[in-house]
Protein backbone atom coordinates (compact mmCIF):
# COMPACT_ATOMS: atom_id res chain seq x y z
CA MET A 1 -42.94 60.49 49.27
CA LYS A 2 -46.74 59.83 47.85
CA HIS A 3 -47.85 62.04 44.34
CA THR A 4 -51.34 62.71 43.84
CA PRO A 5 -52.93 59.58 41.81
CA GLY A 6 -53.21 59.78 38.34
CA PRO A 7 -54.66 59.58 35.59
CA TRP A 8 -53.78 63.45 35.27
CA LYS A 9 -55.15 65.66 32.32
CA PHE A 10 -54.20 68.76 30.60
CA ASP A 11 -57.43 71.41 31.44
CA ASP A 12 -56.86 73.49 28.12
CA ASN A 13 -60.24 75.33 29.13
CA TYR A 14 -58.00 76.90 32.28
CA GLY A 15 -54.32 76.07 31.34
CA CYS A 16 -53.55 73.65 34.53
CA ILE A 17 -53.32 69.75 34.98
CA VAL A 18 -56.16 68.30 37.01
CA ALA A 19 -56.25 65.16 38.82
CA PRO A 20 -59.11 62.50 38.09
CA ASP A 21 -61.85 64.37 40.42
CA ASP A 22 -61.27 67.73 38.32
CA THR A 23 -60.89 70.22 40.94
CA THR A 24 -57.68 68.89 42.39
CA VAL A 25 -54.93 71.23 40.30
CA ILE A 26 -51.82 69.44 39.49
CA ALA A 27 -49.91 72.70 37.95
CA SER A 28 -50.62 75.75 36.31
CA LEU A 29 -49.15 76.82 33.23
CA GLU A 30 -46.95 79.96 32.65
CA PRO A 31 -48.97 81.98 29.85
CA ASP A 32 -45.19 83.02 28.62
CA ALA A 33 -43.31 79.93 29.07
CA ASP A 34 -42.25 78.93 25.71
CA SER A 35 -43.85 75.55 25.14
CA PRO A 36 -46.59 75.71 27.94
CA VAL A 37 -48.83 72.88 26.02
CA ALA A 38 -46.00 70.07 25.26
CA ASN A 39 -45.41 70.90 28.74
CA ALA A 40 -48.58 70.62 30.38
CA LEU A 41 -49.21 66.97 28.33
CA LEU A 42 -45.88 66.02 29.73
CA ILE A 43 -46.48 66.78 32.92
CA ALA A 44 -49.94 65.39 32.62
CA ALA A 45 -48.24 61.86 31.50
CA ALA A 46 -45.88 61.90 34.47
CA PRO A 47 -47.73 59.28 36.88
CA ASP A 48 -48.54 56.68 33.60
CA LEU A 49 -45.12 57.13 32.78
CA LEU A 50 -44.17 56.35 36.16
CA GLU A 51 -46.62 53.27 36.18
CA ALA A 52 -45.05 52.39 32.82
CA CYS A 53 -41.63 52.23 34.13
CA LYS A 54 -42.62 50.04 36.80
CA ARG A 55 -44.19 47.43 35.07
CA MET A 56 -41.59 47.22 32.81
CA ILE A 57 -38.93 46.78 35.94
CA ALA A 58 -41.20 43.70 36.96
CA ILE A 59 -41.77 42.22 33.74
CA SER A 60 -37.42 42.57 33.76
CA ASN A 61 -37.29 41.02 37.04
CA LEU A 62 -39.46 37.80 36.17
CA TRP A 63 -37.57 37.89 33.09
CA ILE A 64 -34.26 37.58 34.86
CA ALA A 65 -35.75 35.23 37.70
CA SER A 66 -36.61 32.67 35.36
CA GLN A 67 -33.14 32.81 34.36
CA VAL A 68 -33.55 33.04 30.26
CA THR A 69 -30.13 33.14 28.30
CA ILE A 70 -29.74 35.92 26.64
CA GLU A 71 -27.24 34.65 23.73
CA HIS A 72 -26.39 37.58 22.48
CA ALA A 73 -23.56 40.21 24.52
CA ASP A 74 -25.65 42.94 22.92
CA GLU A 75 -28.92 42.11 23.68
CA ALA A 76 -27.64 41.35 27.25
CA SER A 77 -25.97 44.62 27.84
CA ALA A 78 -29.18 46.29 26.17
CA LEU A 79 -31.31 44.79 28.74
CA HIS A 80 -29.52 46.17 32.11
CA MET A 81 -28.49 49.44 30.49
CA GLY A 82 -32.39 49.87 30.12
CA ARG A 83 -33.37 48.19 33.10
CA GLN A 84 -31.04 51.16 34.93
CA PHE A 85 -32.57 53.88 32.83
CA LEU A 86 -35.52 52.66 34.28
CA LEU A 87 -34.42 52.48 38.22
CA ASP A 88 -33.03 55.45 37.58
CA ALA A 89 -36.18 57.32 36.70
CA ILE A 90 -38.40 55.78 39.01
CA ALA A 91 -35.51 57.33 41.97
CA LYS A 92 -35.85 60.82 40.53
CA ALA A 93 -39.80 60.36 40.59
CA GLU A 94 -40.10 59.12 44.07
CA GLY A 95 -37.10 61.66 45.37
CA ARG A 96 -34.33 59.19 45.69
CA GLN A 97 -31.99 60.85 43.69
């Protein structure tokens, strides 16, 4: 599944999220929504957040492959738990979950 490439931005003049070409509307805001601007900003950041997740997974893969030893069990646990959160978020964004 492919999404419209980012970066997306919130166009507050028209109340919608647009792609870089400024003509492709990603989403329009419901005027009576509870938090339309906050929701729009989060939606607009989605491609950047997905890319950040993928980059952090790549970094963690390099770290694991280099066999760096983590001396404290709680740090190792936090790394693996955080990595799993990122993998789950990526799968959800890509429609695999």
